[in-house]
Amino acid sequence: MKVLFVCLGNICRSPLAEAMFRQIVKEHGLSNQITIDSAGTSSEEEGNHPYPGIQQIMTKYHLDGHQLVSRPITMNDFDQFDLIIGMDDMNLRHLHAIAPADAQSKIHGIYDLTPGKQGATIPDPWYTHEFQKTYDALHEALPYWLQYVTDHQ
């Protein structure tokens, strides 16, 4: 299965989700079965590494993601990925607006599977500087995506 995490600039939430999900997948011995990537709905940060506050979180939790480089989502991504997971309503609106009709069902919100939190979003820490809250939110939501992926292999 192929999973793509998407936020606005691909320098905060989605690269952190990518790094965290890679670690979870590795811990469960599924690295050779699941492909993980991240992208942004904007090309403004293209080529940049994760934001310094996100890099600090990655260091704190021993996540391998400092080398990640921002890239915008492409039309090819809608063909290549099985799950496209957006971090907030703006990301989801943009994804639905550009996705081909046959890829609409691949698009999901980060909290879609989290009991009692469906429809909730993760605020952009670039604005809030609440990087720990971003980690905590992803830490809560990502195990449900792992369960989904393992159930649908």
N, C-alpha and C. Protein backbone atom coordinates (compact mmCIF):
# COMPACT_ATOMS: atom_id res chain seq x y z
N MET A 1 0.84 -1.17 0.00
CA MET A 1 0.00 0.00 0.00
C MET A 1 0.89 1.23 0.00
N LYS A 2 0.40 2.29 -0.63
CA LYS A 2 1.15 3.55 -0.73
C LYS A 2 0.35 4.67 -0.08
N VAL A 3 1.00 5.38 0.88
CA VAL A 3 0.34 6.41 1.67
C VAL A 3 1.06 7.74 1.47
N LEU A 4 0.28 8.78 1.17
CA LEU A 4 0.83 10.13 0.98
C LEU A 4 0.18 11.07 1.99
N PHE A 5 1.00 11.76 2.77
CA PHE A 5 0.51 12.77 3.71
C PHE A 5 0.68 14.14 3.08
N VAL A 6 -0.35 14.99 3.22
CA VAL A 6 -0.35 16.28 2.55
C VAL A 6 -0.72 17.41 3.51
N CYS A 7 0.07 18.49 3.45
CA CYS A 7 -0.27 19.73 4.15
C CYS A 7 -0.03 20.89 3.17
N LEU A 8 0.01 22.10 3.65
CA LEU A 8 0.14 23.24 2.76
C LEU A 8 1.53 23.31 2.10
N GLY A 9 2.56 23.47 2.90
CA GLY A 9 3.89 23.69 2.34
C GLY A 9 4.81 22.48 2.33
N ASN A 10 4.38 21.40 2.98
CA ASN A 10 5.19 20.18 3.09
C ASN A 10 6.50 20.44 3.83
N ILE A 11 6.43 21.32 4.86
CA ILE A 11 7.60 21.55 5.71
C ILE A 11 7.30 21.34 7.19
N CYS A 12 6.03 21.11 7.54
CA CYS A 12 5.69 20.93 8.96
C CYS A 12 4.92 19.63 9.18
N ARG A 13 3.61 19.66 8.99
CA ARG A 13 2.77 18.53 9.36
C ARG A 13 3.01 17.29 8.51
N SER A 14 3.03 17.43 7.20
CA SER A 14 3.15 16.22 6.37
C SER A 14 4.52 15.56 6.46
N PRO A 15 5.64 16.30 6.50
CA PRO A 15 6.91 15.57 6.68
C PRO A 15 7.02 14.93 8.06
N LEU A 16 6.44 15.58 9.08
CA LEU A 16 6.45 14.96 10.41
C LEU A 16 5.59 13.69 10.38
N ALA A 17 4.43 13.74 9.74
CA ALA A 17 3.59 12.55 9.62
C ALA A 17 4.34 11.45 8.86
N GLU A 18 5.03 11.83 7.79
CA GLU A 18 5.80 10.84 7.02
C GLU A 18 6.85 10.18 7.90
N ALA A 19 7.63 10.98 8.62
CA ALA A 19 8.69 10.43 9.47
C ALA A 19 8.12 9.56 10.59
N MET A 20 7.04 10.02 11.21
CA MET A 20 6.43 9.24 12.29
C MET A 20 5.84 7.94 11.77
N PHE A 21 5.15 8.00 10.63
CA PHE A 21 4.52 6.80 10.09
C PHE A 21 5.58 5.80 9.64
N ARG A 22 6.67 6.30 9.06
CA ARG A 22 7.79 5.41 8.70
C ARG A 22 8.29 4.66 9.93
N GLN A 23 8.44 5.37 11.04
CA GLN A 23 8.93 4.74 12.25
C GLN A 23 7.95 3.68 12.75
N ILE A 24 6.67 4.00 12.76
CA ILE A 24 5.65 3.05 13.21
C ILE A 24 5.64 1.82 12.31
N VAL A 25 5.68 2.06 11.02
CA VAL A 25 5.66 0.96 10.05
C VAL A 25 6.90 0.08 10.23
N LYS A 26 8.06 0.71 10.44
CA LYS A 26 9.29 -0.04 10.65
C LYS A 26 9.20 -0.89 11.93
N GLU A 27 8.68 -0.29 13.00
CA GLU A 27 8.54 -1.02 14.27
C GLU A 27 7.64 -2.24 14.14
N HIS A 28 6.70 -2.20 13.19
CA HIS A 28 5.80 -3.33 12.97
C HIS A 28 6.29 -4.27 11.87
N GLY A 29 7.50 -4.03 11.37
CA GLY A 29 8.10 -4.91 10.37
C GLY A 29 7.41 -4.87 9.02
N LEU A 30 6.83 -3.73 8.67
CA LEU A 30 6.05 -3.61 7.44
C LEU A 30 6.69 -2.69 6.40
N SER A 31 7.94 -2.30 6.62
CA SER A 31 8.58 -1.32 5.74
C SER A 31 8.62 -1.76 4.27
N ASN A 32 8.74 -3.06 4.04
CA ASN A 32 8.81 -3.52 2.64
C ASN A 32 7.42 -3.67 2.02
N GLN A 33 6.36 -3.42 2.79
CA GLN A 33 5.00 -3.55 2.27
C GLN A 33 4.28 -2.22 2.11
N ILE A 34 4.80 -1.16 2.74
CA ILE A 34 4.11 0.13 2.74
C ILE A 34 5.07 1.22 2.27
N THR A 35 4.65 1.97 1.26
CA THR A 35 5.41 3.11 0.76
C THR A 35 4.81 4.37 1.37
N ILE A 36 5.66 5.26 1.86
CA ILE A 36 5.20 6.46 2.55
C ILE A 36 5.91 7.68 1.96
N ASP A 37 5.15 8.74 1.72
CA ASP A 37 5.72 9.98 1.18
C ASP A 37 4.87 11.13 1.72
N SER A 38 5.30 12.35 1.39
CA SER A 38 4.54 13.54 1.76
C SER A 38 4.68 14.58 0.67
N ALA A 39 3.72 15.50 0.63
CA ALA A 39 3.71 16.56 -0.38
C ALA A 39 2.91 17.74 0.16
N GLY A 40 2.99 18.85 -0.56
CA GLY A 40 2.25 20.04 -0.18
C GLY A 40 1.26 20.44 -1.26
N THR A 41 0.23 21.15 -0.87
CA THR A 41 -0.72 21.66 -1.86
C THR A 41 -0.19 22.92 -2.52
N SER A 42 0.85 23.49 -1.94
CA SER A 42 1.50 24.69 -2.48
C SER A 42 2.93 24.33 -2.90
N SER A 43 3.43 25.04 -3.88
CA SER A 43 4.83 24.83 -4.31
C SER A 43 5.75 25.88 -3.68
N GLU A 44 5.21 26.73 -2.82
CA GLU A 44 5.97 27.84 -2.25
C GLU A 44 7.24 27.40 -1.51
N GLU A 45 7.19 26.26 -0.83
CA GLU A 45 8.34 25.79 -0.05
C GLU A 45 9.15 24.71 -0.79
N GLU A 46 8.86 24.49 -2.05
CA GLU A 46 9.50 23.41 -2.81
C GLU A 46 11.02 23.47 -2.65
N GLY A 47 11.60 22.30 -2.32
CA GLY A 47 13.05 22.19 -2.16
C GLY A 47 13.56 22.45 -0.76
N ASN A 48 12.68 22.93 0.12
CA ASN A 48 13.10 23.23 1.49
C ASN A 48 12.98 22.00 2.39
N HIS A 49 13.84 21.95 3.40
CA HIS A 49 13.79 20.89 4.41
C HIS A 49 12.71 21.23 5.43
N PRO A 50 12.36 20.28 6.30
CA PRO A 50 11.37 20.57 7.33
C PRO A 50 11.74 21.82 8.14
N TYR A 51 10.70 22.51 8.57
CA TYR A 51 10.84 23.74 9.35
C TYR A 51 11.65 23.44 10.61
N PRO A 52 12.47 24.38 11.09
CA PRO A 52 13.32 24.13 12.26
C PRO A 52 12.57 23.59 13.49
N GLY A 53 11.39 24.10 13.77
CA GLY A 53 10.62 23.59 14.91
C GLY A 53 10.24 22.13 14.75
N ILE A 54 9.96 21.73 13.52
CA ILE A 54 9.65 20.32 13.22
C ILE A 54 10.91 19.49 13.32
N GLN A 55 12.03 20.03 12.87
CA GLN A 55 13.29 19.30 13.00
C GLN A 55 13.63 19.05 14.47
N GLN A 56 13.32 20.01 15.34
CA GLN A 56 13.56 19.83 16.78
C GLN A 56 12.71 18.68 17.32
N ILE A 57 11.47 18.61 16.87
CA ILE A 57 10.58 17.51 17.30
C ILE A 57 11.13 16.18 16.77
N MET A 58 11.58 16.17 15.52
CA MET A 58 12.14 14.94 14.96
C MET A 58 13.34 14.48 15.78
N THR A 59 14.18 15.41 16.17
CA THR A 59 15.35 15.07 16.99
C THR A 59 14.90 14.54 18.35
N LYS A 60 13.95 15.23 18.97
CA LYS A 60 13.46 14.84 20.29
C LYS A 60 12.94 13.40 20.31
N TYR A 61 12.27 12.99 19.23
CA TYR A 61 11.67 11.65 19.18
C TYR A 61 12.45 10.67 18.30
N HIS A 62 13.68 11.03 17.96
CA HIS A 62 14.58 10.15 17.19
C HIS A 62 13.94 9.72 15.87
N LEU A 63 13.34 10.67 15.18
CA LEU A 63 12.71 10.40 13.89
C LEU A 63 13.67 10.72 12.76
N ASP A 64 13.70 9.87 11.77
CA ASP A 64 14.53 10.08 10.60
C ASP A 64 13.72 10.86 9.58
N GLY A 65 13.98 12.16 9.47
CA GLY A 65 13.21 12.96 8.53
C GLY A 65 13.86 14.29 8.21
N HIS A 66 15.01 14.55 8.80
CA HIS A 66 15.69 15.83 8.57
C HIS A 66 16.07 16.01 7.10
N GLN A 67 16.28 14.91 6.39
CA GLN A 67 16.71 14.98 5.00
C GLN A 67 15.55 15.19 4.04
N LEU A 68 14.32 15.12 4.51
CA LEU A 68 13.16 15.28 3.63
C LEU A 68 13.17 16.65 2.98
N VAL A 69 12.66 16.70 1.75
CA VAL A 69 12.62 17.93 0.97
C VAL A 69 11.20 18.15 0.48
N SER A 70 10.72 19.37 0.66
CA SER A 70 9.36 19.71 0.26
C SER A 70 9.16 19.57 -1.24
N ARG A 71 7.97 19.06 -1.58
CA ARG A 71 7.58 19.00 -2.99
C ARG A 71 6.08 19.20 -3.07
N PRO A 72 5.62 19.78 -4.18
CA PRO A 72 4.18 19.92 -4.36
C PRO A 72 3.57 18.60 -4.85
N ILE A 73 2.30 18.42 -4.53
CA ILE A 73 1.59 17.25 -5.03
C ILE A 73 1.50 17.33 -6.56
N THR A 74 1.52 16.19 -7.20
CA THR A 74 1.42 16.14 -8.66
C THR A 74 0.21 15.30 -9.06
N MET A 75 -0.21 15.43 -10.28
CA MET A 75 -1.33 14.62 -10.77
C MET A 75 -0.97 13.14 -10.73
N ASN A 76 0.30 12.82 -10.92
CA ASN A 76 0.76 11.44 -10.86
C ASN A 76 0.53 10.82 -9.47
N ASP A 77 0.62 11.66 -8.43
CA ASP A 77 0.40 11.16 -7.07
C ASP A 77 -0.99 10.55 -6.92
N PHE A 78 -1.97 11.10 -7.59
CA PHE A 78 -3.34 10.58 -7.48
C PHE A 78 -3.45 9.18 -8.09
N ASP A 79 -2.57 8.87 -9.04
CA ASP A 79 -2.53 7.52 -9.61
C ASP A 79 -1.70 6.57 -8.75
N GLN A 80 -0.60 7.07 -8.22
CA GLN A 80 0.39 6.23 -7.55
C GLN A 80 0.02 5.84 -6.11
N PHE A 81 -0.71 6.69 -5.40
CA PHE A 81 -0.97 6.45 -3.98
C PHE A 81 -2.37 5.89 -3.75
N ASP A 82 -2.46 5.00 -2.76
CA ASP A 82 -3.74 4.40 -2.39
C ASP A 82 -4.50 5.28 -1.39
N LEU A 83 -3.75 5.96 -0.53
CA LEU A 83 -4.33 6.85 0.48
C LEU A 83 -3.63 8.20 0.39
N ILE A 84 -4.42 9.26 0.34
CA ILE A 84 -3.90 10.63 0.34
C ILE A 84 -4.56 11.31 1.53
N ILE A 85 -3.75 11.62 2.55
CA ILE A 85 -4.27 12.06 3.84
C ILE A 85 -3.90 13.52 4.07
N GLY A 86 -4.93 14.38 4.09
CA GLY A 86 -4.73 15.81 4.30
C GLY A 86 -4.84 16.19 5.77
N MET A 87 -4.17 17.27 6.13
CA MET A 87 -4.09 17.68 7.53
C MET A 87 -5.18 18.65 7.97
N ASP A 88 -5.75 19.42 7.04
CA ASP A 88 -6.81 20.36 7.43
C ASP A 88 -7.80 20.55 6.29
N ASP A 89 -8.86 21.30 6.58
CA ASP A 89 -9.94 21.48 5.61
C ASP A 89 -9.47 22.15 4.32
N MET A 90 -8.57 23.12 4.43
CA MET A 90 -8.06 23.79 3.24
C MET A 90 -7.31 22.80 2.35
N ASN A 91 -6.48 21.97 2.96
CA ASN A 91 -5.75 20.95 2.18
C ASN A 91 -6.72 20.02 1.50
N LEU A 92 -7.74 19.58 2.23
CA LEU A 92 -8.71 18.63 1.67
C LEU A 92 -9.50 19.26 0.53
N ARG A 93 -9.91 20.51 0.69
CA ARG A 93 -10.64 21.19 -0.41
C ARG A 93 -9.77 21.27 -1.65
N HIS A 94 -8.51 21.63 -1.47
CA HIS A 94 -7.60 21.74 -2.61
C HIS A 94 -7.39 20.37 -3.27
N LEU A 95 -7.18 19.35 -2.46
CA LEU A 95 -6.99 18.00 -3.01
C LEU A 95 -8.21 17.56 -3.81
N HIS A 96 -9.40 17.76 -3.24
CA HIS A 96 -10.62 17.36 -3.96
C HIS A 96 -10.79 18.17 -5.24
N ALA A 97 -10.38 19.43 -5.22
CA ALA A 97 -10.53 20.29 -6.40
C ALA A 97 -9.64 19.86 -7.56
N ILE A 98 -8.47 19.33 -7.24
CA ILE A 98 -7.54 18.98 -8.33
C ILE A 98 -7.51 17.49 -8.66
N ALA A 99 -8.07 16.66 -7.80
CA ALA A 99 -8.00 15.20 -8.01
C ALA A 99 -8.94 14.77 -9.14
N PRO A 100 -8.49 13.82 -9.94
CA PRO A 100 -9.39 13.23 -10.94
C PRO A 100 -10.56 12.53 -10.24
N ALA A 101 -11.65 12.36 -10.95
CA ALA A 101 -12.85 11.75 -10.38
C ALA A 101 -12.56 10.38 -9.77
N ASP A 102 -11.73 9.58 -10.43
CA ASP A 102 -11.47 8.23 -9.94
C ASP A 102 -10.53 8.19 -8.73
N ALA A 103 -10.00 9.34 -8.31
CA ALA A 103 -9.10 9.39 -7.15
C ALA A 103 -9.76 10.05 -5.95
N GLN A 104 -10.97 10.54 -6.07
CA GLN A 104 -11.63 11.25 -4.97
C GLN A 104 -11.73 10.39 -3.71
N SER A 105 -11.99 9.12 -3.88
CA SER A 105 -12.17 8.24 -2.72
C SER A 105 -10.85 7.94 -1.99
N LYS A 106 -9.72 8.30 -2.56
CA LYS A 106 -8.42 8.10 -1.92
C LYS A 106 -8.11 9.18 -0.90
N ILE A 107 -8.84 10.29 -0.95
CA ILE A 107 -8.55 11.47 -0.13
C ILE A 107 -9.28 11.36 1.20
N HIS A 108 -8.52 11.56 2.28
CA HIS A 108 -9.06 11.44 3.63
C HIS A 108 -8.46 12.53 4.52
N GLY A 109 -9.18 12.86 5.59
CA GLY A 109 -8.65 13.76 6.60
C GLY A 109 -7.86 12.96 7.63
N ILE A 110 -6.89 13.59 8.25
CA ILE A 110 -6.00 12.90 9.19
C ILE A 110 -6.76 12.23 10.33
N TYR A 111 -7.86 12.80 10.77
CA TYR A 111 -8.60 12.25 11.90
C TYR A 111 -9.81 11.40 11.48
N ASP A 112 -9.95 11.08 10.21
CA ASP A 112 -11.13 10.35 9.73
C ASP A 112 -11.36 9.02 10.46
N LEU A 113 -10.30 8.39 10.93
CA LEU A 113 -10.42 7.08 11.57
C LEU A 113 -10.34 7.13 13.09
N THR A 114 -10.08 8.30 13.64
CA THR A 114 -9.89 8.44 15.08
C THR A 114 -11.25 8.57 15.77
N PRO A 115 -11.61 7.62 16.61
CA PRO A 115 -12.91 7.67 17.27
C PRO A 115 -13.17 8.99 17.99
N GLY A 116 -14.33 9.56 17.69
CA GLY A 116 -14.72 10.81 18.32
C GLY A 116 -14.06 12.05 17.76
N LYS A 117 -13.18 11.90 16.79
CA LYS A 117 -12.47 13.05 16.25
C LYS A 117 -12.67 13.22 14.74
N GLN A 118 -13.53 12.43 14.14
CA GLN A 118 -13.72 12.51 12.70
C GLN A 118 -14.06 13.96 12.32
N GLY A 119 -13.39 14.46 11.31
CA GLY A 119 -13.59 15.83 10.86
C GLY A 119 -12.68 16.84 11.54
N ALA A 120 -12.01 16.44 12.61
CA ALA A 120 -11.06 17.35 13.26
C ALA A 120 -9.83 17.52 12.37
N THR A 121 -9.10 18.59 12.57
CA THR A 121 -7.92 18.86 11.76
C THR A 121 -6.74 19.20 12.65
N ILE A 122 -5.58 19.27 12.03
CA ILE A 122 -4.36 19.65 12.75
C ILE A 122 -3.96 21.04 12.26
N PRO A 123 -4.00 22.05 13.13
CA PRO A 123 -3.62 23.40 12.73
C PRO A 123 -2.16 23.45 12.26
N ASP A 124 -1.90 24.38 11.37
CA ASP A 124 -0.56 24.53 10.81
C ASP A 124 0.37 25.14 11.86
N PRO A 125 1.38 24.39 12.33
CA PRO A 125 2.27 24.92 13.36
C PRO A 125 3.22 26.00 12.84
N TRP A 126 3.26 26.18 11.53
CA TRP A 126 4.07 27.28 10.99
C TRP A 126 3.53 28.60 11.54
N TYR A 127 2.20 28.65 11.71
CA TYR A 127 1.56 29.85 12.25
C TYR A 127 1.51 29.84 13.77
N THR A 128 1.22 28.68 14.36
CA THR A 128 1.00 28.60 15.81
C THR A 128 2.29 28.36 16.60
N HIS A 129 3.28 27.78 15.95
CA HIS A 129 4.54 27.38 16.60
C HIS A 129 4.32 26.34 17.70
N GLU A 130 3.20 25.63 17.61
CA GLU A 130 2.89 24.58 18.59
C GLU A 130 3.29 23.23 18.01
N PHE A 131 4.58 23.04 17.86
CA PHE A 131 5.12 21.85 17.22
C PHE A 131 4.86 20.59 18.03
N GLN A 132 4.92 20.70 19.35
CA GLN A 132 4.64 19.54 20.19
C GLN A 132 3.18 19.11 20.03
N LYS A 133 2.26 20.07 19.94
CA LYS A 133 0.85 19.73 19.74
C LYS A 133 0.66 19.01 18.40
N THR A 134 1.44 19.39 17.40
CA THR A 134 1.36 18.73 16.10
C THR A 134 1.81 17.28 16.24
N TYR A 135 2.93 17.08 16.93
CA TYR A 135 3.40 15.72 17.17
C TYR A 135 2.34 14.92 17.92
N ASP A 136 1.81 15.50 18.99
CA ASP A 136 0.82 14.80 19.82
C ASP A 136 -0.42 14.41 19.00
N ALA A 137 -0.87 15.31 18.14
CA ALA A 137 -2.04 15.03 17.30
C ALA A 137 -1.75 13.88 16.34
N LEU A 138 -0.60 13.91 15.70
CA LEU A 138 -0.23 12.84 14.78
C LEU A 138 -0.04 11.53 15.54
N HIS A 139 0.53 11.61 16.72
CA HIS A 139 0.73 10.42 17.56
C HIS A 139 -0.61 9.76 17.88
N GLU A 140 -1.63 10.57 18.01
CA GLU A 140 -2.97 10.06 18.28
C GLU A 140 -3.60 9.45 17.03
N ALA A 141 -3.46 10.09 15.89
CA ALA A 141 -4.16 9.68 14.67
C ALA A 141 -3.47 8.56 13.89
N LEU A 142 -2.16 8.55 13.85
CA LEU A 142 -1.45 7.62 12.96
C LEU A 142 -1.65 6.14 13.28
N PRO A 143 -1.77 5.72 14.52
CA PRO A 143 -2.01 4.29 14.76
C PRO A 143 -3.29 3.77 14.08
N TYR A 144 -4.29 4.61 13.95
CA TYR A 144 -5.52 4.19 13.28
C TYR A 144 -5.27 3.99 11.78
N TRP A 145 -4.40 4.81 11.22
CA TRP A 145 -4.05 4.62 9.80
C TRP A 145 -3.21 3.36 9.61
N LEU A 146 -2.34 3.06 10.56
CA LEU A 146 -1.58 1.82 10.48
C LEU A 146 -2.53 0.62 10.52
N GLN A 147 -3.50 0.66 11.41
CA GLN A 147 -4.48 -0.43 11.49
C GLN A 147 -5.25 -0.55 10.18
N TYR A 148 -5.65 0.58 9.61
CA TYR A 148 -6.37 0.58 8.34
C TYR A 148 -5.52 -0.07 7.24
N VAL A 149 -4.27 0.37 7.16
CA VAL A 149 -3.37 -0.14 6.13
C VAL A 149 -3.15 -1.65 6.29
N THR A 150 -2.93 -2.10 7.52
CA THR A 150 -2.69 -3.54 7.72
C THR A 150 -3.95 -4.34 7.44
N ASP A 151 -5.11 -3.77 7.72
CA ASP A 151 -6.38 -4.46 7.43
C ASP A 151 -6.70 -4.53 5.94
N HIS A 152 -6.11 -3.63 5.16
CA HIS A 152 -6.44 -3.54 3.73
C HIS A 152 -5.27 -3.91 2.82
N GLN A 153 -4.29 -4.62 3.36
CA GLN A 153 -3.15 -5.04 2.54
C GLN A 153 -3.58 -6.09 1.54
